[in-house]
């Protein structure tokens, strides 16, 4: 069976420690493309965080972002799949995060919202190349369904 498509994750897979496509991986991608194999990204990252890599490779393919919640053309920007979370589910999770004082990032319309800038938001911005928008307490009271919530905590007590 001939390989028709390669979908690659980004962090700790395709990208090196400098958050760039390594020369070796770049050569392998170019070889695959020359052989007629479609190459794309499949990642938990935001669409706007992966689009520059597709542009670098001049790929006009659907990009799989937010762990599959959004599939959108790299150059055409055509939306193939749009499956955000249920708003009430997100609000319930945000309420829990607020109660436990967990750090949370909210991804709505390819914008990254946080309560306030801190070490976690700065770290994610460095990794993703996407700035965060601090919105204060409004982060817990969103009115639009997000594609993704990401929370971080040093310890977790589920009791």
N, C-alpha and C. Protein backbone atom coordinates (compact mmCIF):
# COMPACT_ATOMS: atom_id res chain seq x y z
N UNK A 1 0.84 -1.18 0.00
CA UNK A 1 0.00 0.00 0.00
C UNK A 1 0.89 1.25 0.00
N UNK A 2 0.61 2.17 -0.89
CA UNK A 2 1.39 3.39 -1.01
C UNK A 2 0.92 4.42 0.03
N UNK A 3 1.87 5.10 0.65
CA UNK A 3 1.55 6.17 1.59
C UNK A 3 0.99 7.34 0.80
N UNK A 4 -0.17 7.83 1.22
CA UNK A 4 -0.81 8.95 0.53
C UNK A 4 -0.71 10.26 1.32
N UNK A 5 -0.61 10.13 2.66
CA UNK A 5 -0.60 11.33 3.48
C UNK A 5 0.18 11.08 4.77
N UNK A 6 0.86 12.13 5.22
CA UNK A 6 1.53 12.13 6.51
C UNK A 6 0.96 13.30 7.31
N UNK A 7 0.47 13.02 8.51
CA UNK A 7 0.00 14.06 9.42
C UNK A 7 0.90 14.01 10.65
N UNK A 8 1.57 15.09 10.94
CA UNK A 8 2.54 15.11 12.02
C UNK A 8 2.13 16.04 13.14
N UNK A 9 2.39 15.59 14.38
CA UNK A 9 2.29 16.47 15.53
C UNK A 9 3.45 17.46 15.44
N UNK A 10 3.45 18.45 16.29
CA UNK A 10 4.49 19.47 16.20
C UNK A 10 5.48 19.41 17.36
N UNK A 11 5.01 19.73 18.56
CA UNK A 11 5.89 19.82 19.72
C UNK A 11 6.40 18.44 20.12
N UNK A 12 7.71 18.37 20.34
CA UNK A 12 8.38 17.13 20.72
C UNK A 12 8.25 16.03 19.67
N UNK A 13 7.89 16.41 18.46
CA UNK A 13 7.81 15.46 17.34
C UNK A 13 8.53 16.06 16.13
N UNK A 14 7.91 17.04 15.52
CA UNK A 14 8.45 17.66 14.31
C UNK A 14 9.43 18.79 14.62
N UNK A 15 9.14 19.56 15.66
CA UNK A 15 9.94 20.74 15.96
C UNK A 15 11.09 20.40 16.90
N UNK A 16 12.18 21.12 16.72
CA UNK A 16 13.34 20.93 17.60
C UNK A 16 13.22 21.83 18.84
N UNK A 17 14.26 21.87 19.64
CA UNK A 17 14.24 22.67 20.87
C UNK A 17 14.14 24.16 20.62
N UNK A 18 14.44 24.57 19.40
CA UNK A 18 14.34 25.98 19.02
C UNK A 18 12.96 26.30 18.44
N UNK A 19 12.07 25.32 18.49
CA UNK A 19 10.69 25.44 17.97
C UNK A 19 10.67 25.71 16.47
N UNK A 20 11.61 25.05 15.79
CA UNK A 20 11.70 25.13 14.33
C UNK A 20 11.71 23.72 13.77
N UNK A 21 11.34 23.60 12.50
CA UNK A 21 11.43 22.31 11.83
C UNK A 21 12.91 22.04 11.59
N UNK A 22 13.40 20.95 12.12
CA UNK A 22 14.83 20.64 12.00
C UNK A 22 15.20 20.41 10.53
N UNK A 23 16.46 20.63 10.16
CA UNK A 23 16.89 20.38 8.78
C UNK A 23 16.58 18.95 8.33
N UNK A 24 16.79 17.99 9.21
CA UNK A 24 16.52 16.59 8.86
C UNK A 24 15.02 16.38 8.58
N UNK A 25 14.16 16.92 9.45
CA UNK A 25 12.72 16.78 9.23
C UNK A 25 12.28 17.54 7.98
N UNK A 26 12.86 18.71 7.75
CA UNK A 26 12.53 19.48 6.55
C UNK A 26 12.89 18.70 5.29
N UNK A 27 14.04 18.06 5.30
CA UNK A 27 14.45 17.26 4.13
C UNK A 27 13.49 16.08 3.93
N UNK A 28 13.07 15.46 5.01
CA UNK A 28 12.13 14.33 4.89
C UNK A 28 10.78 14.79 4.36
N UNK A 29 10.31 15.96 4.81
CA UNK A 29 9.04 16.50 4.32
C UNK A 29 9.14 16.80 2.83
N UNK A 30 10.22 17.44 2.43
CA UNK A 30 10.40 17.77 1.00
C UNK A 30 10.47 16.52 0.15
N UNK A 31 11.11 15.48 0.66
CA UNK A 31 11.19 14.21 -0.07
C UNK A 31 9.79 13.60 -0.22
N UNK A 32 9.01 13.65 0.85
CA UNK A 32 7.64 13.12 0.79
C UNK A 32 6.79 13.91 -0.20
N UNK A 33 6.90 15.22 -0.14
CA UNK A 33 6.13 16.06 -1.07
C UNK A 33 6.53 15.79 -2.52
N UNK A 34 7.82 15.64 -2.76
CA UNK A 34 8.30 15.34 -4.11
C UNK A 34 7.78 14.00 -4.61
N UNK A 35 7.50 13.09 -3.69
CA UNK A 35 6.96 11.77 -4.05
C UNK A 35 5.43 11.79 -4.19
N UNK A 36 4.85 12.99 -4.05
CA UNK A 36 3.39 13.11 -4.21
C UNK A 36 2.60 12.81 -2.95
N UNK A 37 3.27 12.74 -1.81
CA UNK A 37 2.59 12.48 -0.54
C UNK A 37 2.13 13.80 0.06
N UNK A 38 0.90 13.85 0.50
CA UNK A 38 0.35 15.05 1.15
C UNK A 38 0.92 15.11 2.57
N UNK A 39 1.35 16.29 2.99
CA UNK A 39 1.86 16.47 4.34
C UNK A 39 1.04 17.55 5.04
N UNK A 40 0.64 17.27 6.28
CA UNK A 40 -0.08 18.26 7.08
C UNK A 40 0.28 18.12 8.54
N UNK A 41 -0.29 18.98 9.35
CA UNK A 41 -0.07 18.96 10.79
C UNK A 41 -1.35 18.54 11.49
N UNK A 42 -1.20 17.77 12.55
CA UNK A 42 -2.32 17.37 13.41
C UNK A 42 -1.85 17.59 14.84
N UNK A 43 -2.41 18.59 15.51
CA UNK A 43 -1.85 19.04 16.77
C UNK A 43 -2.91 19.61 17.70
N UNK A 44 -2.55 19.76 18.94
CA UNK A 44 -3.41 20.44 19.90
C UNK A 44 -3.25 21.94 19.83
N UNK A 45 -2.27 22.40 19.07
CA UNK A 45 -2.02 23.83 18.93
C UNK A 45 -3.18 24.56 18.26
N UNK A 46 -3.15 25.88 18.42
CA UNK A 46 -4.11 26.76 17.75
C UNK A 46 -3.80 26.80 16.25
N UNK A 47 -4.83 27.07 15.46
CA UNK A 47 -4.66 27.21 14.01
C UNK A 47 -3.60 28.28 13.70
N UNK A 48 -3.71 29.43 14.33
CA UNK A 48 -2.79 30.53 14.01
C UNK A 48 -1.36 30.23 14.45
N UNK A 49 -1.19 29.25 15.31
CA UNK A 49 0.14 28.84 15.74
C UNK A 49 0.81 27.89 14.75
N UNK A 50 0.00 27.15 13.99
CA UNK A 50 0.58 26.21 13.02
C UNK A 50 0.60 26.74 11.59
N UNK A 51 -0.23 27.73 11.32
CA UNK A 51 -0.30 28.27 9.96
C UNK A 51 1.06 28.77 9.43
N UNK A 52 1.88 29.46 10.24
CA UNK A 52 3.18 29.91 9.72
C UNK A 52 4.08 28.77 9.25
N UNK A 53 3.97 27.61 9.88
CA UNK A 53 4.79 26.46 9.45
C UNK A 53 4.30 25.95 8.09
N UNK A 54 2.99 25.94 7.89
CA UNK A 54 2.44 25.53 6.60
C UNK A 54 2.84 26.52 5.52
N UNK A 55 2.81 27.81 5.86
CA UNK A 55 3.22 28.84 4.89
C UNK A 55 4.70 28.69 4.54
N UNK A 56 5.52 28.39 5.55
CA UNK A 56 6.95 28.17 5.31
C UNK A 56 7.17 27.05 4.31
N UNK A 57 6.35 26.01 4.40
CA UNK A 57 6.47 24.86 3.50
C UNK A 57 5.64 25.02 2.23
N UNK A 58 4.93 26.13 2.12
CA UNK A 58 4.05 26.42 0.98
C UNK A 58 3.01 25.31 0.80
N UNK A 59 2.43 24.89 1.92
CA UNK A 59 1.42 23.83 1.89
C UNK A 59 0.02 24.44 1.82
N UNK A 60 -0.75 24.04 0.86
CA UNK A 60 -2.16 24.44 0.80
C UNK A 60 -2.99 23.20 1.12
N UNK A 61 -2.98 22.84 2.39
CA UNK A 61 -3.65 21.63 2.86
C UNK A 61 -4.50 21.99 4.08
N UNK A 62 -5.46 21.14 4.43
CA UNK A 62 -6.17 21.35 5.69
C UNK A 62 -5.23 21.13 6.87
N UNK A 63 -5.28 22.02 7.83
CA UNK A 63 -4.49 21.91 9.05
C UNK A 63 -5.41 21.46 10.18
N UNK A 64 -4.97 20.48 10.93
CA UNK A 64 -5.79 19.91 12.00
C UNK A 64 -5.33 20.54 13.31
N UNK A 65 -6.16 21.44 13.86
CA UNK A 65 -5.81 22.19 15.06
C UNK A 65 -6.72 21.80 16.22
N UNK A 66 -6.32 22.23 17.41
CA UNK A 66 -7.12 21.98 18.62
C UNK A 66 -7.51 20.51 18.76
N UNK A 67 -6.58 19.62 18.49
CA UNK A 67 -6.83 18.17 18.59
C UNK A 67 -8.01 17.72 17.72
N UNK A 68 -8.20 18.39 16.60
CA UNK A 68 -9.25 18.00 15.66
C UNK A 68 -10.52 18.82 15.76
N UNK A 69 -10.61 19.75 16.69
CA UNK A 69 -11.82 20.56 16.83
C UNK A 69 -11.95 21.59 15.70
N UNK A 70 -10.85 21.89 15.03
CA UNK A 70 -10.89 22.79 13.88
C UNK A 70 -9.97 22.23 12.80
N UNK A 71 -10.50 22.06 11.61
CA UNK A 71 -9.72 21.68 10.45
C UNK A 71 -9.96 22.77 9.42
N UNK A 72 -8.88 23.47 9.05
CA UNK A 72 -9.02 24.67 8.23
C UNK A 72 -7.86 24.74 7.24
N UNK A 73 -8.14 25.13 6.02
CA UNK A 73 -7.13 25.22 4.98
C UNK A 73 -6.03 26.20 5.33
N UNK A 74 -4.80 25.80 5.04
CA UNK A 74 -3.63 26.62 5.38
C UNK A 74 -3.61 27.93 4.60
N UNK A 75 -3.83 27.87 3.31
CA UNK A 75 -3.81 29.08 2.49
C UNK A 75 -5.21 29.56 2.13
N UNK A 76 -6.09 28.62 1.83
CA UNK A 76 -7.46 28.98 1.45
C UNK A 76 -8.28 29.45 2.64
N UNK A 77 -7.94 28.98 3.84
CA UNK A 77 -8.67 29.24 5.08
C UNK A 77 -10.10 28.69 5.05
N UNK A 78 -10.34 27.76 4.13
CA UNK A 78 -11.63 27.09 4.08
C UNK A 78 -11.79 26.22 5.34
N UNK A 79 -12.95 26.31 6.00
CA UNK A 79 -13.21 25.52 7.20
C UNK A 79 -13.84 24.20 6.78
N UNK A 80 -13.18 23.11 7.16
CA UNK A 80 -13.68 21.77 6.87
C UNK A 80 -14.41 21.17 8.06
N UNK A 81 -13.89 21.43 9.26
CA UNK A 81 -14.50 20.94 10.49
C UNK A 81 -14.43 22.06 11.52
N UNK A 82 -15.54 22.30 12.20
CA UNK A 82 -15.58 23.27 13.29
C UNK A 82 -16.42 22.66 14.40
N UNK A 83 -15.77 22.16 15.45
CA UNK A 83 -16.46 21.47 16.54
C UNK A 83 -15.99 22.01 17.89
N UNK A 84 -16.42 23.22 18.25
CA UNK A 84 -16.02 23.72 19.57
C UNK A 84 -16.71 22.92 20.68
N UNK A 85 -16.26 23.14 21.89
CA UNK A 85 -16.88 22.50 23.05
C UNK A 85 -18.31 23.01 23.21
N UNK A 86 -19.12 22.27 23.95
CA UNK A 86 -20.42 22.79 24.34
C UNK A 86 -20.18 23.93 25.33
N UNK A 87 -20.87 25.05 25.15
CA UNK A 87 -20.65 26.21 26.00
C UNK A 87 -20.87 25.87 27.47
N UNK A 88 -21.94 25.15 27.78
CA UNK A 88 -22.22 24.85 29.18
C UNK A 88 -21.14 23.95 29.79
N UNK A 89 -20.63 23.02 29.02
CA UNK A 89 -19.54 22.17 29.51
C UNK A 89 -18.32 23.02 29.83
N UNK A 90 -18.01 23.96 28.96
CA UNK A 90 -16.87 24.85 29.19
C UNK A 90 -17.10 25.71 30.43
N UNK A 91 -18.30 26.24 30.58
CA UNK A 91 -18.60 27.07 31.75
C UNK A 91 -18.50 26.27 33.05
N UNK A 92 -18.96 25.02 33.02
CA UNK A 92 -18.84 24.16 34.20
C UNK A 92 -17.37 23.92 34.55
N UNK A 93 -16.57 23.64 33.55
CA UNK A 93 -15.14 23.42 33.77
C UNK A 93 -14.46 24.69 34.28
N UNK A 94 -14.83 25.83 33.72
CA UNK A 94 -14.25 27.11 34.15
C UNK A 94 -14.63 27.43 35.59
N UNK A 95 -15.86 27.12 35.95
CA UNK A 95 -16.30 27.33 37.33
C UNK A 95 -15.46 26.49 38.29
N UNK A 96 -15.21 25.26 37.91
CA UNK A 96 -14.38 24.37 38.73
C UNK A 96 -12.96 24.92 38.85
N UNK A 97 -12.41 25.39 37.74
CA UNK A 97 -11.06 25.96 37.75
C UNK A 97 -10.99 27.19 38.66
N UNK A 98 -12.02 28.01 38.61
CA UNK A 98 -12.05 29.20 39.46
C UNK A 98 -12.12 28.79 40.93
N UNK A 99 -12.99 27.84 41.23
CA UNK A 99 -13.15 27.35 42.61
C UNK A 99 -11.83 26.81 43.16
N UNK A 100 -11.09 26.09 42.34
CA UNK A 100 -9.83 25.47 42.77
C UNK A 100 -8.62 26.38 42.57
N UNK A 101 -8.86 27.55 41.97
CA UNK A 101 -7.79 28.50 41.69
C UNK A 101 -6.74 27.91 40.74
N UNK A 102 -7.19 27.18 39.73
CA UNK A 102 -6.31 26.61 38.71
C UNK A 102 -6.10 27.64 37.61
N UNK A 103 -4.92 27.64 37.05
CA UNK A 103 -4.63 28.47 35.88
C UNK A 103 -5.35 27.85 34.68
N UNK A 104 -6.02 28.68 33.89
CA UNK A 104 -6.74 28.17 32.72
C UNK A 104 -6.53 29.10 31.52
N UNK A 105 -6.41 28.47 30.36
CA UNK A 105 -6.36 29.20 29.08
C UNK A 105 -7.60 28.82 28.30
N UNK A 106 -8.22 29.82 27.69
CA UNK A 106 -9.46 29.62 26.93
C UNK A 106 -9.19 30.01 25.48
N UNK A 107 -9.53 29.12 24.56
CA UNK A 107 -9.27 29.33 23.14
C UNK A 107 -10.59 29.56 22.41
N UNK A 108 -10.86 30.81 22.06
CA UNK A 108 -12.09 31.17 21.35
C UNK A 108 -11.71 31.89 20.07
N UNK A 109 -12.23 31.42 18.95
CA UNK A 109 -11.99 32.08 17.65
C UNK A 109 -10.50 32.36 17.40
N UNK A 110 -9.67 31.39 17.74
CA UNK A 110 -8.23 31.48 17.54
C UNK A 110 -7.58 32.62 18.33
N UNK A 111 -8.23 33.00 19.42
CA UNK A 111 -7.67 33.95 20.39
C UNK A 111 -7.40 33.18 21.67
N UNK A 112 -6.36 33.54 22.36
CA UNK A 112 -5.95 32.87 23.59
C UNK A 112 -6.20 33.80 24.77
N UNK A 113 -7.20 33.45 25.57
CA UNK A 113 -7.61 34.28 26.69
C UNK A 113 -7.12 33.69 28.01
N UNK A 114 -6.64 34.56 28.89
CA UNK A 114 -6.22 34.17 30.23
C UNK A 114 -6.74 35.20 31.22
N UNK A 115 -6.78 34.82 32.49
CA UNK A 115 -7.20 35.77 33.52
C UNK A 115 -6.18 36.89 33.64
N UNK A 116 -4.91 36.50 33.75
CA UNK A 116 -3.83 37.47 33.88
C UNK A 116 -2.54 36.86 33.34
N UNK A 117 -1.64 37.73 32.95
CA UNK A 117 -0.34 37.26 32.48
C UNK A 117 0.43 36.69 33.67
N UNK A 118 1.09 35.55 33.44
CA UNK A 118 1.91 34.95 34.48
C UNK A 118 2.94 34.03 33.82
N UNK A 119 3.65 33.25 34.61
CA UNK A 119 4.70 32.38 34.05
C UNK A 119 4.13 31.37 33.07
N UNK A 120 2.91 30.85 33.32
CA UNK A 120 2.30 29.88 32.42
C UNK A 120 1.94 30.53 31.07
N UNK A 121 1.31 31.70 31.11
CA UNK A 121 0.91 32.36 29.86
C UNK A 121 2.14 32.76 29.05
N UNK A 122 3.16 33.25 29.73
CA UNK A 122 4.39 33.63 29.01
C UNK A 122 5.07 32.41 28.40
N UNK A 123 5.09 31.30 29.13
CA UNK A 123 5.68 30.07 28.61
C UNK A 123 4.93 29.61 27.36
N UNK A 124 3.60 29.60 27.41
CA UNK A 124 2.83 29.15 26.26
C UNK A 124 3.03 30.08 25.07
N UNK A 125 3.08 31.37 25.33
CA UNK A 125 3.32 32.33 24.23
C UNK A 125 4.65 32.08 23.56
N UNK A 126 5.67 31.78 24.36
CA UNK A 126 6.99 31.48 23.78
C UNK A 126 6.93 30.23 22.91
N UNK A 127 6.26 29.21 23.39
CA UNK A 127 6.18 27.95 22.66
C UNK A 127 5.37 28.09 21.38
N UNK A 128 4.20 28.74 21.50
CA UNK A 128 3.26 28.79 20.38
C UNK A 128 3.47 29.95 19.43
N UNK A 129 4.14 30.99 19.91
CA UNK A 129 4.29 32.18 19.08
C UNK A 129 3.02 33.01 19.02
N UNK A 130 2.09 32.77 19.94
CA UNK A 130 0.81 33.47 19.97
C UNK A 130 0.70 34.25 21.27
N UNK A 131 0.38 35.54 21.21
CA UNK A 131 0.23 36.30 22.45
C UNK A 131 -1.07 35.93 23.17
N UNK A 132 -1.06 36.11 24.48
CA UNK A 132 -2.28 35.90 25.26
C UNK A 132 -2.96 37.24 25.48
N UNK A 133 -4.27 37.17 25.73
CA UNK A 133 -5.04 38.35 26.06
C UNK A 133 -5.58 38.18 27.47
N UNK A 134 -5.15 39.03 28.39
CA UNK A 134 -5.62 38.97 29.78
C UNK A 134 -6.97 39.66 29.86
N UNK A 135 -7.98 38.94 30.37
CA UNK A 135 -9.35 39.47 30.44
C UNK A 135 -9.91 39.47 31.86
N UNK A 136 -9.09 39.19 32.84
CA UNK A 136 -9.54 39.20 34.23
C UNK A 136 -10.59 38.12 34.48
N UNK A 137 -11.52 38.41 35.35
CA UNK A 137 -12.56 37.46 35.74
C UNK A 137 -13.45 37.04 34.57
N UNK A 138 -13.46 37.80 33.50
CA UNK A 138 -14.28 37.46 32.32
C UNK A 138 -13.87 36.11 31.74
N UNK A 139 -12.66 35.65 32.03
CA UNK A 139 -12.22 34.36 31.51
C UNK A 139 -13.13 33.24 32.00
N UNK A 140 -13.77 33.43 33.15
CA UNK A 140 -14.66 32.40 33.71
C UNK A 140 -16.11 32.53 33.25
N UNK A 141 -16.41 33.59 32.50
CA UNK A 141 -17.79 33.88 32.11
C UNK A 141 -17.92 34.11 30.61
N UNK A 142 -17.36 33.20 29.85
CA UNK A 142 -17.38 33.34 28.39
C UNK A 142 -18.81 33.20 27.86
N UNK A 143 -19.05 33.79 26.70
CA UNK A 143 -20.38 33.72 26.09
C UNK A 143 -20.36 32.98 24.75
N UNK A 144 -19.18 32.53 24.37
CA UNK A 144 -19.03 31.80 23.11
C UNK A 144 -18.28 30.50 23.39
N UNK A 145 -18.67 29.44 22.72
CA UNK A 145 -18.06 28.13 22.94
C UNK A 145 -16.60 28.13 22.48
N UNK A 146 -15.70 27.66 23.35
CA UNK A 146 -14.28 27.60 22.98
C UNK A 146 -13.95 26.31 22.24
N UNK A 147 -12.85 26.34 21.51
CA UNK A 147 -12.33 25.12 20.90
C UNK A 147 -11.64 24.24 21.93
N UNK A 148 -11.07 24.90 22.94
CA UNK A 148 -10.24 24.16 23.88
C UNK A 148 -10.09 24.95 25.17
N UNK A 149 -9.97 24.23 26.26
CA UNK A 149 -9.55 24.79 27.54
C UNK A 149 -8.27 24.06 27.93
N UNK A 150 -7.33 24.78 28.47
CA UNK A 150 -6.10 24.17 28.96
C UNK A 150 -5.89 24.68 30.37
N UNK A 151 -5.77 23.75 31.32
CA UNK A 151 -5.50 24.18 32.68
C UNK A 151 -4.20 23.59 33.16
N UNK A 152 -3.57 24.33 34.06
CA UNK A 152 -2.30 23.88 34.62
C UNK A 152 -2.33 24.12 36.12
N UNK A 153 -1.78 23.18 36.83
CA UNK A 153 -1.67 23.29 38.26
C UNK A 153 -0.49 22.44 38.73
N UNK A 154 0.08 22.82 39.82
CA UNK A 154 1.22 22.04 40.33
C UNK A 154 0.75 20.80 41.06
N UNK A 155 -0.38 20.89 41.71
CA UNK A 155 -0.93 19.72 42.38
C UNK A 155 -2.42 19.65 42.13
N UNK A 156 -2.97 18.50 42.21
CA UNK A 156 -4.37 18.32 41.87
C UNK A 156 -5.03 17.44 42.93
N UNK A 157 -6.07 17.95 43.56
CA UNK A 157 -6.80 17.22 44.58
C UNK A 157 -8.22 16.99 44.06
N UNK A 158 -8.50 15.75 43.67
CA UNK A 158 -9.81 15.44 43.11
C UNK A 158 -10.81 15.01 44.16
N UNK A 159 -10.43 15.03 45.43
CA UNK A 159 -11.33 14.58 46.49
C UNK A 159 -12.40 15.59 46.79
